[in-house]
């Protein structure tokens, strides 16, 4: 999960903003650090050349430096943030090759459900996407608020029950990249992670065709079982029986889960038995 090893255009742009911001801030940090050491050295008690000026109160040159450099830094940082926030608007479509892939993500306690409505399949704690294709995420929560983040693809965004947020990404390199929940949501939060598999276009088509033949079916009844708090250590694949399932979750036609419950072992989900292997 190295943010300095981007594998998509959004993550690469975010890395550039981060590096540019650090460089701009160093315009204050470096001169100030040097000035502190220089002043301490020059005005040491053993330096007879240093002028003792007890009545010194104002210097236009000093005021110019003290105010101009921070002002310029704030202006530059503001410009970088302004431009970046518009260029990297999560809802702004990302260009790519092939047809866009629509993915509906639902955060649960403590797992991720990914629904592919056009392919009529769903997965838990595993995300498979074709290389170069625009990825159009619709995200909600079936329980408490949390945040969706794939560091090497970019774009952390919150998921909240009763509403839908949107995120556009693209993966430009075949590989497996770790995703996570980046907002604390209870005992099982540390295990709320998933793998993002970026594969070739033919491999994605073959995977989707195979997944559509899964014996496990995802509908409203099986979703309610899945929504119970537990940690899923082994990814699952479902055949999507209800294409309106995401809409029912987002509009609360399916009531949200009660959220994390206090357990005897406060460091893990209740009773170990709630772990699903």
C-alpha atoms as a PDB file:
ATOM      1  CA  UNK A   1       0.000   0.000   0.000  1.00  0.00           C
ATOM      2  CA  UNK A   2       2.738   2.416  -1.069  1.00  0.00           C
ATOM      3  CA  UNK A   3       1.320   5.807  -2.067  1.00  0.00           C
ATOM      4  CA  UNK A   4       4.676   6.581  -3.702  1.00  0.00           C
ATOM      5  CA  UNK A   5       4.222   3.685  -6.128  1.00  0.00           C
ATOM      6  CA  UNK A   6       1.084   4.747  -8.031  1.00  0.00           C
ATOM      7  CA  UNK A   7      -0.517   2.336 -10.488  1.00  0.00           C
ATOM      8  CA  UNK A   8      -3.159   4.646 -11.936  1.00  0.00           C
ATOM      9  CA  UNK A   9      -3.587   8.268 -13.075  1.00  0.00           C
ATOM     10  CA  UNK A  10      -5.463   9.412  -9.972  1.00  0.00           C
ATOM     11  CA  UNK A  11      -2.840   8.044  -7.570  1.00  0.00           C
ATOM     12  CA  UNK A  12      -0.065   9.529  -9.734  1.00  0.00           C
ATOM     13  CA  UNK A  13      -1.699  12.970  -9.641  1.00  0.00           C
ATOM     14  CA  UNK A  14      -2.174  12.735  -5.869  1.00  0.00           C
ATOM     15  CA  UNK A  15       1.487  11.812  -5.462  1.00  0.00           C
ATOM     16  CA  UNK A  16       2.476  14.893  -7.481  1.00  0.00           C
ATOM     17  CA  UNK A  17       0.314  17.139  -5.285  1.00  0.00           C
ATOM     18  CA  UNK A  18       1.830  15.636  -2.135  1.00  0.00           C
ATOM     19  CA  UNK A  19       5.410  16.111  -3.348  1.00  0.00           C
ATOM     20  CA  UNK A  20       4.727  19.651  -4.635  1.00  0.00           C
ATOM     21  CA  UNK A  21       3.117  20.620  -1.313  1.00  0.00           C
ATOM     22  CA  UNK A  22       6.092  19.340   0.676  1.00  0.00           C
ATOM     23  CA  UNK A  23       8.530  21.231  -1.550  1.00  0.00           C
ATOM     24  CA  UNK A  24       6.534  24.455  -1.196  1.00  0.00           C
ATOM     25  CA  UNK A  25       6.402  24.110   2.604  1.00  0.00           C
ATOM     26  CA  UNK A  26      10.155  23.522   2.687  1.00  0.00           C
ATOM     27  CA  UNK A  27      10.476  27.118   1.418  1.00  0.00           C
ATOM     28  CA  UNK A  28       9.638  28.156   4.986  1.00  0.00           C
ATOM     29  CA  UNK A  29      11.042  25.234   6.945  1.00  0.00           C
ATOM     30  CA  UNK A  30      14.547  25.205   5.443  1.00  0.00           C
ATOM     31  CA  UNK A  31      15.303  28.968   5.646  1.00  0.00           C
ATOM     32  CA  UNK A  32      13.826  29.152   9.146  1.00  0.00           C
ATOM     33  CA  UNK A  33      15.923  26.227  10.360  1.00  0.00           C
ATOM     34  CA  UNK A  34      19.067  27.760   8.850  1.00  0.00           C
ATOM     35  CA  UNK A  35      18.238  31.177  10.344  1.00  0.00           C
ATOM     36  CA  UNK A  36      17.801  29.711  13.837  1.00  0.00           C
ATOM     37  CA  UNK A  37      21.223  28.089  13.695  1.00  0.00           C
ATOM     38  CA  UNK A  38      22.817  31.206  12.160  1.00  0.00           C
ATOM     39  CA  UNK A  39      21.347  33.546  14.781  1.00  0.00           C
ATOM     40  CA  UNK A  40      22.346  31.235  17.621  1.00  0.00           C
ATOM     41  CA  UNK A  41      25.904  31.063  16.267  1.00  0.00           C
ATOM     42  CA  UNK A  42      26.323  34.771  15.482  1.00  0.00           C
ATOM     43  CA  UNK A  43      24.848  36.108  18.715  1.00  0.00           C
ATOM     44  CA  UNK A  44      26.728  33.737  21.001  1.00  0.00           C
ATOM     45  CA  UNK A  45      28.307  35.390  24.028  1.00  0.00           C
ATOM     46  CA  UNK A  46      31.861  34.754  22.781  1.00  0.00           C
ATOM     47  CA  UNK A  47      31.344  36.606  19.485  1.00  0.00           C
ATOM     48  CA  UNK A  48      32.745  40.091  19.943  1.00  0.00           C
ATOM     49  CA  UNK A  49      31.622  41.193  16.475  1.00  0.00           C
ATOM     50  CA  UNK A  50      27.914  40.799  17.258  1.00  0.00           C
ATOM     51  CA  UNK A  51      26.201  44.127  17.915  1.00  0.00           C
ATOM     52  CA  UNK A  52      24.236  44.507  21.119  1.00  0.00           C
ATOM     53  CA  UNK A  53      21.084  46.525  20.304  1.00  0.00           C
ATOM     54  CA  UNK A  54      18.710  46.559  23.297  1.00  0.00           C
ATOM     55  CA  UNK A  55      16.548  49.300  21.747  1.00  0.00           C
ATOM     56  CA  UNK A  56      15.969  47.479  18.439  1.00  0.00           C
ATOM     57  CA  UNK A  57      12.222  47.405  17.761  1.00  0.00           C
ATOM     58  CA  UNK A  58      11.466  47.510  14.029  1.00  0.00           C
ATOM     59  CA  UNK A  59      13.028  46.628  10.708  1.00  0.00           C
ATOM     60  CA  UNK A  60      11.173  46.986   7.418  1.00  0.00           C
ATOM     61  CA  UNK A  61      13.462  44.457   5.747  1.00  0.00           C
ATOM     62  CA  UNK A  62      12.800  41.871   8.462  1.00  0.00           C
ATOM     63  CA  UNK A  63       9.045  42.482   8.320  1.00  0.00           C
ATOM     64  CA  UNK A  64       9.098  42.082   4.528  1.00  0.00           C
ATOM     65  CA  UNK A  65      10.809  38.692   4.779  1.00  0.00           C
ATOM     66  CA  UNK A  66       8.702  37.515   7.730  1.00  0.00           C
ATOM     67  CA  UNK A  67       5.406  38.272   5.971  1.00  0.00           C
ATOM     68  CA  UNK A  68       6.157  37.822   2.268  1.00  0.00           C
ATOM     69  CA  UNK A  69       7.548  34.277   2.343  1.00  0.00           C
ATOM     70  CA  UNK A  70       4.650  32.784   4.387  1.00  0.00           C
ATOM     71  CA  UNK A  71       2.134  34.704   2.252  1.00  0.00           C
ATOM     72  CA  UNK A  72       3.644  33.370  -0.955  1.00  0.00           C
ATOM     73  CA  UNK A  73       3.704  29.860   0.512  1.00  0.00           C
ATOM     74  CA  UNK A  74       0.018  30.032   1.439  1.00  0.00           C
ATOM     75  CA  UNK A  75      -0.842  31.353  -2.035  1.00  0.00           C
ATOM     76  CA  UNK A  76       1.104  28.565  -3.741  1.00  0.00           C
ATOM     77  CA  UNK A  77      -0.373  25.862  -1.490  1.00  0.00           C
ATOM     78  CA  UNK A  78      -3.835  27.288  -2.016  1.00  0.00           C
ATOM     79  CA  UNK A  79      -3.309  27.201  -5.760  1.00  0.00           C
ATOM     80  CA  UNK A  80      -2.130  23.603  -5.684  1.00  0.00           C
ATOM     81  CA  UNK A  81      -5.097  22.583  -3.508  1.00  0.00           C
ATOM     82  CA  UNK A  82      -7.581  24.523  -5.665  1.00  0.00           C
ATOM     83  CA  UNK A  83      -6.383  23.059  -8.948  1.00  0.00           C
ATOM     84  CA  UNK A  84      -5.980  19.566  -7.512  1.00  0.00           C
ATOM     85  CA  UNK A  85      -9.424  19.510  -5.905  1.00  0.00           C
ATOM     86  CA  UNK A  86     -11.040  20.294  -9.257  1.00  0.00           C
ATOM     87  CA  UNK A  87      -8.847  18.056 -11.391  1.00  0.00           C
ATOM     88  CA  UNK A  88      -9.264  15.141  -8.967  1.00  0.00           C
ATOM     89  CA  UNK A  89     -12.944  15.577  -8.190  1.00  0.00           C
ATOM     90  CA  UNK A  90     -14.010  12.010  -7.223  1.00  0.00           C
ATOM     91  CA  UNK A  91     -17.109  12.273  -9.393  1.00  0.00           C
ATOM     92  CA  UNK A  92     -15.201  13.423 -12.480  1.00  0.00           C
ATOM     93  CA  UNK A  93     -15.028  10.642 -15.115  1.00  0.00           C
ATOM     94  CA  UNK A  94     -11.604   9.184 -15.861  1.00  0.00           C
ATOM     95  CA  UNK A  95     -10.842   8.412 -19.481  1.00  0.00           C
ATOM     96  CA  UNK A  96      -9.730   4.902 -20.387  1.00  0.00           C
ATOM     97  CA  UNK A  97      -9.893   2.077 -22.884  1.00  0.00           C
ATOM     98  CA  UNK A  98     -12.862  -0.180 -23.359  1.00  0.00           C
ATOM     99  CA  UNK A  99     -16.260   0.097 -21.722  1.00  0.00           C
ATOM    100  CA  UNK A 100     -16.501   1.620 -18.226  1.00  0.00           C
ATOM    101  CA  UNK A 101     -16.936  -0.847 -15.394  1.00  0.00           C
ATOM    102  CA  UNK A 102     -19.667   0.051 -12.903  1.00  0.00           C
ATOM    103  CA  UNK A 103     -18.984  -1.192  -9.381  1.00  0.00           C
ATOM    104  CA  UNK A 104     -21.298  -0.740  -6.400  1.00  0.00           C
ATOM    105  CA  UNK A 105     -19.375  -0.951  -3.126  1.00  0.00           C
ATOM    106  CA  UNK A 106     -21.043  -1.526   0.241  1.00  0.00           C
ATOM    107  CA  UNK A 107     -19.110  -1.307   3.511  1.00  0.00           C
ATOM    108  CA  UNK A 108     -20.307  -3.726   6.174  1.00  0.00           C
ATOM    109  CA  UNK A 109     -19.163  -4.861   9.636  1.00  0.00           C
ATOM    110  CA  UNK A 110     -16.342  -5.818   8.839  1.00  0.00           C
ATOM    111  CA  UNK A 111     -16.106  -6.602   5.172  1.00  0.00           C
ATOM    112  CA  UNK A 112     -16.503  -5.077   1.727  1.00  0.00           C
ATOM    113  CA  UNK A 113     -19.239  -6.111  -0.683  1.00  0.00           C
ATOM    114  CA  UNK A 114     -18.645  -5.308  -4.361  1.00  0.00           C
ATOM    115  CA  UNK A 115     -21.577  -5.580  -6.764  1.00  0.00           C
ATOM    116  CA  UNK A 116     -21.120  -5.616 -10.549  1.00  0.00           C
ATOM    117  CA  UNK A 117     -24.678  -4.871 -11.725  1.00  0.00           C
ATOM    118  CA  UNK A 118     -23.898  -5.125 -15.445  1.00  0.00           C
ATOM    119  CA  UNK A 119     -22.156  -8.504 -15.047  1.00  0.00           C
ATOM    120  CA  UNK A 120     -24.764  -9.690 -12.496  1.00  0.00           C
ATOM    121  CA  UNK A 121     -22.127 -10.836 -10.019  1.00  0.00           C
ATOM    122  CA  UNK A 122     -20.870  -9.774  -6.581  1.00  0.00           C
ATOM    123  CA  UNK A 123     -17.784 -10.410  -4.480  1.00  0.00           C
ATOM    124  CA  UNK A 124     -16.735 -10.015  -0.872  1.00  0.00           C
ATOM    125  CA  UNK A 125     -13.281  -8.674   0.025  1.00  0.00           C
ATOM    126  CA  UNK A 126     -12.038  -9.118  -3.535  1.00  0.00           C
ATOM    127  CA  UNK A 127     -12.176  -6.615  -6.386  1.00  0.00           C
ATOM    128  CA  UNK A 128     -11.310  -7.581  -9.963  1.00  0.00           C
ATOM    129  CA  UNK A 129     -11.077  -4.955 -12.716  1.00  0.00           C
ATOM    130  CA  UNK A 130      -9.728  -4.821 -16.286  1.00  0.00           C
ATOM    131  CA  UNK A 131      -6.567  -2.849 -16.989  1.00  0.00           C
ATOM    132  CA  UNK A 132      -7.101   0.581 -18.519  1.00  0.00           C
ATOM    133  CA  UNK A 133     -10.884   0.594 -18.151  1.00  0.00           C
ATOM    134  CA  UNK A 134     -12.652   3.533 -16.458  1.00  0.00           C
ATOM    135  CA  UNK A 135     -13.848   2.351 -13.044  1.00  0.00           C
ATOM    136  CA  UNK A 136     -17.028   4.036 -11.892  1.00  0.00           C
ATOM    137  CA  UNK A 137     -17.700   3.351  -8.230  1.00  0.00           C
ATOM    138  CA  UNK A 138     -20.961   3.974  -6.425  1.00  0.00           C
ATOM    139  CA  UNK A 139     -20.449   3.612  -2.680  1.00  0.00           C
ATOM    140  CA  UNK A 140     -22.686   3.351   0.340  1.00  0.00           C
ATOM    141  CA  UNK A 141     -22.649   1.764   3.783  1.00  0.00           C
ATOM    142  CA  UNK A 142     -24.861  -0.960   5.138  1.00  0.00           C
ATOM    143  CA  UNK A 143     -23.866   0.000   8.677  1.00  0.00           C
ATOM    144  CA  UNK A 144     -21.728   2.776  10.174  1.00  0.00           C
ATOM    145  CA  UNK A 145     -19.673   5.316   8.244  1.00  0.00           C
ATOM    146  CA  UNK A 146     -16.268   4.247   7.026  1.00  0.00           C
ATOM    147  CA  UNK A 147     -13.881   5.123   4.171  1.00  0.00           C
ATOM    148  CA  UNK A 148     -12.832   3.290   1.005  1.00  0.00           C
ATOM    149  CA  UNK A 149      -9.189   3.541  -0.061  1.00  0.00           C
ATOM    150  CA  UNK A 150      -6.905   1.798  -2.556  1.00  0.00           C
ATOM    151  CA  UNK A 151      -3.624   3.699  -1.992  1.00  0.00           C
ATOM    152  CA  UNK A 152      -1.933   2.714  -5.268  1.00  0.00           C
ATOM    153  CA  UNK A 153      -4.986   3.610  -7.347  1.00  0.00           C
ATOM    154  CA  UNK A 154      -5.898   6.722  -5.349  1.00  0.00           C
ATOM    155  CA  UNK A 155      -9.045   8.350  -4.097  1.00  0.00           C
ATOM    156  CA  UNK A 156     -10.058   7.826  -0.481  1.00  0.00           C
ATOM    157  CA  UNK A 157     -13.779   8.512  -0.092  1.00  0.00           C
ATOM    158  CA  UNK A 158     -16.333   7.984   2.668  1.00  0.00           C
ATOM    159  CA  UNK A 159     -19.239   5.558   2.633  1.00  0.00           C
ATOM    160  CA  UNK A 160     -22.366   6.510   4.581  1.00  0.00           C
ATOM    161  CA  UNK A 161     -25.689   4.793   5.063  1.00  0.00           C
ATOM    162  CA  UNK A 162     -28.602   6.409   3.295  1.00  0.00           C
ATOM    163  CA  UNK A 163     -26.522   8.111   0.633  1.00  0.00           C
ATOM    164  CA  UNK A 164     -24.302   7.292  -2.344  1.00  0.00           C
ATOM    165  CA  UNK A 165     -20.851   8.728  -2.994  1.00  0.00           C
ATOM    166  CA  UNK A 166     -19.088   8.394  -6.330  1.00  0.00           C
ATOM    167  CA  UNK A 167     -15.483   7.709  -7.231  1.00  0.00           C
ATOM    168  CA  UNK A 168     -13.724   7.284 -10.565  1.00  0.00           C
ATOM    169  CA  UNK A 169     -10.421   5.404 -10.855  1.00  0.00           C
ATOM    170  CA  UNK A 170      -8.328   3.474 -13.351  1.00  0.00           C
ATOM    171  CA  UNK A 171      -5.679   0.782 -13.013  1.00  0.00           C
ATOM    172  CA  UNK A 172      -2.844   0.997 -15.536  1.00  0.00           C
ATOM    173  CA  UNK A 173      -0.681  -1.934 -14.447  1.00  0.00           C
ATOM    174  CA  UNK A 174      -1.571  -5.593 -14.071  1.00  0.00           C
ATOM    175  CA  UNK A 175      -1.118  -6.691 -10.478  1.00  0.00           C
ATOM    176  CA  UNK A 176      -2.733  -7.049  -7.076  1.00  0.00           C
ATOM    177  CA  UNK A 177      -3.079  -3.956  -4.910  1.00  0.00           C
ATOM    178  CA  UNK A 178      -4.280  -3.815  -1.332  1.00  0.00           C
ATOM    179  CA  UNK A 179      -7.385  -1.859  -0.387  1.00  0.00           C
ATOM    180  CA  UNK A 180      -8.646  -1.031   3.071  1.00  0.00           C
ATOM    181  CA  UNK A 181     -11.139   0.747   5.269  1.00  0.00           C
ATOM    182  CA  UNK A 182      -9.368   3.918   6.371  1.00  0.00           C
ATOM    183  CA  UNK A 183     -11.877   4.993   9.021  1.00  0.00           C
ATOM    184  CA  UNK A 184     -12.287   3.178  12.353  1.00  0.00           C
ATOM    185  CA  UNK A 185     -15.535   1.227  12.526  1.00  0.00           C
ATOM    186  CA  UNK A 186     -15.300  -1.193  15.447  1.00  0.00           C
ATOM    187  CA  UNK A 187     -13.547  -4.351  16.642  1.00  0.00           C
ATOM    188  CA  UNK A 188     -13.020  -5.979  13.240  1.00  0.00           C
ATOM    189  CA  UNK A 189     -11.764  -2.797  11.569  1.00  0.00           C
ATOM    190  CA  UNK A 190      -8.094  -3.946  11.269  1.00  0.00           C
ATOM    191  CA  UNK A 191      -9.192  -6.941   9.159  1.00  0.00           C
ATOM    192  CA  UNK A 192     -11.467  -4.920   6.877  1.00  0.00           C
ATOM    193  CA  UNK A 193      -9.150  -5.174   3.882  1.00  0.00           C
ATOM    194  CA  UNK A 194      -9.429  -6.450   0.326  1.00  0.00           C
ATOM    195  CA  UNK A 195      -7.305  -7.242  -2.727  1.00  0.00           C
ATOM    196  CA  UNK A 196      -7.753  -5.350  -5.978  1.00  0.00           C
ATOM    197  CA  UNK A 197      -6.800  -7.508  -8.949  1.00  0.00           C
ATOM    198  CA  UNK A 198      -6.042  -5.552 -12.118  1.00  0.00           C
ATOM    199  CA  UNK A 199      -6.152  -8.054 -14.975  1.00  0.00           C
ATOM    200  CA  UNK A 200      -6.199  -8.019 -18.765  1.00  0.00           C
ATOM    201  CA  UNK A 201      -9.482  -7.368 -20.583  1.00  0.00           C
ATOM    202  CA  UNK A 202      -9.853 -11.027 -21.737  1.00  0.00           C
ATOM    203  CA  UNK A 203      -9.048 -12.299 -18.223  1.00  0.00           C
ATOM    204  CA  UNK A 204     -11.698 -10.011 -16.756  1.00  0.00           C
ATOM    205  CA  UNK A 205     -14.315 -11.282 -19.218  1.00  0.00           C
ATOM    206  CA  UNK A 206     -13.427 -14.894 -18.400  1.00  0.00           C
ATOM    207  CA  UNK A 207     -13.504 -14.181 -14.663  1.00  0.00           C
ATOM    208  CA  UNK A 208     -16.904 -12.485 -14.891  1.00  0.00           C
ATOM    209  CA  UNK A 209     -18.345 -15.359 -16.944  1.00  0.00           C
ATOM    210  CA  UNK A 210     -17.104 -17.901 -14.397  1.00  0.00           C
ATOM    211  CA  UNK A 211     -18.326 -15.855 -11.441  1.00  0.00           C
ATOM    212  CA  UNK A 212     -21.807 -15.607 -12.979  1.00  0.00           C
ATOM    213  CA  UNK A 213     -22.064 -19.407 -12.650  1.00  0.00           C
ATOM    214  CA  UNK A 214     -21.381 -19.379  -8.902  1.00  0.00           C
ATOM    215  CA  UNK A 215     -23.508 -21.625  -6.715  1.00  0.00           C
ATOM    216  CA  UNK A 216     -23.792 -18.847  -4.125  1.00  0.00           C
ATOM    217  CA  UNK A 217     -26.608 -16.406  -4.838  1.00  0.00           C
ATOM    218  CA  UNK A 218     -26.794 -12.854  -3.514  1.00  0.00           C
ATOM    219  CA  UNK A 219     -30.296 -11.586  -2.851  1.00  0.00           C
ATOM    220  CA  UNK A 220     -31.972  -9.709  -0.038  1.00  0.00           C
ATOM    221  CA  UNK A 221     -32.058 -12.740   2.269  1.00  0.00           C
ATOM    222  CA  UNK A 222     -28.409 -13.712   1.778  1.00  0.00           C
ATOM    223  CA  UNK A 223     -27.381 -10.069   2.051  1.00  0.00           C
ATOM    224  CA  UNK A 224     -28.952  -9.814   5.509  1.00  0.00           C
ATOM    225  CA  UNK A 225     -26.911 -12.824   6.621  1.00  0.00           C
ATOM    226  CA  UNK A 226     -23.778 -11.262   5.139  1.00  0.00           C
ATOM    227  CA  UNK A 227     -24.483  -7.933   6.863  1.00  0.00           C
ATOM    228  CA  UNK A 228     -24.187  -9.482  10.322  1.00  0.00           C
ATOM    229  CA  UNK A 229     -20.967  -8.383  11.975  1.00  0.00           C
ATOM    230  CA  UNK A 230     -18.139 -10.791  11.197  1.00  0.00           C
ATOM    231  CA  UNK A 231     -14.685 -10.872   9.651  1.00  0.00           C
ATOM    232  CA  UNK A 232     -14.465 -12.703   6.334  1.00  0.00           C
ATOM    233  CA  UNK A 233     -10.968 -14.052   5.820  1.00  0.00           C
ATOM    234  CA  UNK A 234     -11.656 -15.843   2.532  1.00  0.00           C
ATOM    235  CA  UNK A 235     -13.019 -13.867  -0.451  1.00  0.00           C
ATOM    236  CA  UNK A 236     -16.399 -14.952  -1.793  1.00  0.00           C
ATOM    237  CA  UNK A 237     -18.078 -14.777  -5.181  1.00  0.00           C
ATOM    238  CA  UNK A 238     -21.841 -14.591  -5.762  1.00  0.00           C
ATOM    239  CA  UNK A 239     -24.257 -14.693  -8.636  1.00  0.00           C
ATOM    240  CA  UNK A 240     -26.351 -11.522  -8.317  1.00  0.00           C
ATOM    241  CA  UNK A 241     -30.033 -12.448  -8.177  1.00  0.00           C
ATOM    242  CA  UNK A 242     -31.350  -8.993  -7.281  1.00  0.00           C
ATOM    243  CA  UNK A 243     -29.973  -6.197  -9.520  1.00  0.00           C
ATOM    244  CA  UNK A 244     -31.782  -3.622  -7.349  1.00  0.00           C
ATOM    245  CA  UNK A 245     -30.017  -4.718  -4.167  1.00  0.00           C
ATOM    246  CA  UNK A 246     -27.633  -1.753  -4.006  1.00  0.00           C
ATOM    247  CA  UNK A 247     -30.480   0.706  -4.426  1.00  0.00           C
ATOM    248  CA  UNK A 248     -32.410  -0.959  -1.624  1.00  0.00           C
ATOM    249  CA  UNK A 249     -29.386  -0.665   0.678  1.00  0.00           C
ATOM    250  CA  UNK A 250     -28.641   2.954  -0.246  1.00  0.00           C
ATOM    251  CA  UNK A 251     -32.261   4.095   0.149  1.00  0.00           C
ATOM    252  CA  UNK A 252     -32.662   2.148   3.413  1.00  0.00           C
ATOM    253  CA  UNK A 253     -35.425  -0.049   2.065  1.00  0.00           C
ATOM    254  CA  UNK A 254     -33.190  -2.670   3.609  1.00  0.00           C
ATOM    255  CA  UNK A 255     -32.671  -1.355   7.156  1.00  0.00           C
ATOM    256  CA  UNK A 256     -29.047  -0.684   8.102  1.00  0.00           C
ATOM    257  CA  UNK A 257     -27.224  -3.038  10.446  1.00  0.00           C
ATOM    258  CA  UNK A 258     -27.107  -1.867  14.080  1.00  0.00           C
ATOM    259  CA  UNK A 259     -23.362  -1.272  13.889  1.00  0.00           C
ATOM    260  CA  UNK A 260     -20.560  -2.727  16.015  1.00  0.00           C
ATOM    261  CA  UNK A 261     -21.695  -4.207  19.301  1.00  0.00           C
ATOM    262  CA  UNK A 262     -19.599  -4.194  22.473  1.00  0.00           C
ATOM    263  CA  UNK A 263     -17.978  -7.598  22.974  1.00  0.00           C
ATOM    264  CA  UNK A 264     -16.212  -9.236  25.900  1.00  0.00           C
ATOM    265  CA  UNK A 265     -12.938  -9.294  24.007  1.00  0.00           C
ATOM    266  CA  UNK A 266     -12.765  -5.661  22.965  1.00  0.00           C
ATOM    267  CA  UNK A 267      -9.822  -6.209  20.643  1.00  0.00           C
ATOM    268  CA  UNK A 268     -11.610  -8.710  18.372  1.00  0.00           C
ATOM    269  CA  UNK A 269     -15.157  -9.379  17.144  1.00  0.00           C
ATOM    270  CA  UNK A 270     -17.278 -11.112  19.729  1.00  0.00           C
ATOM    271  CA  UNK A 271     -16.416 -14.636  20.733  1.00  0.00           C
ATOM    272  CA  UNK A 272     -14.059 -15.576  17.901  1.00  0.00           C
ATOM    273  CA  UNK A 273     -16.954 -17.630  16.481  1.00  0.00           C
ATOM    274  CA  UNK A 274     -18.100 -14.578  14.558  1.00  0.00           C
ATOM    275  CA  UNK A 275     -15.041 -14.931  12.346  1.00  0.00           C
ATOM    276  CA  UNK A 276     -16.040 -16.491   9.048  1.00  0.00           C
ATOM    277  CA  UNK A 277     -13.248 -18.544   7.465  1.00  0.00           C
END
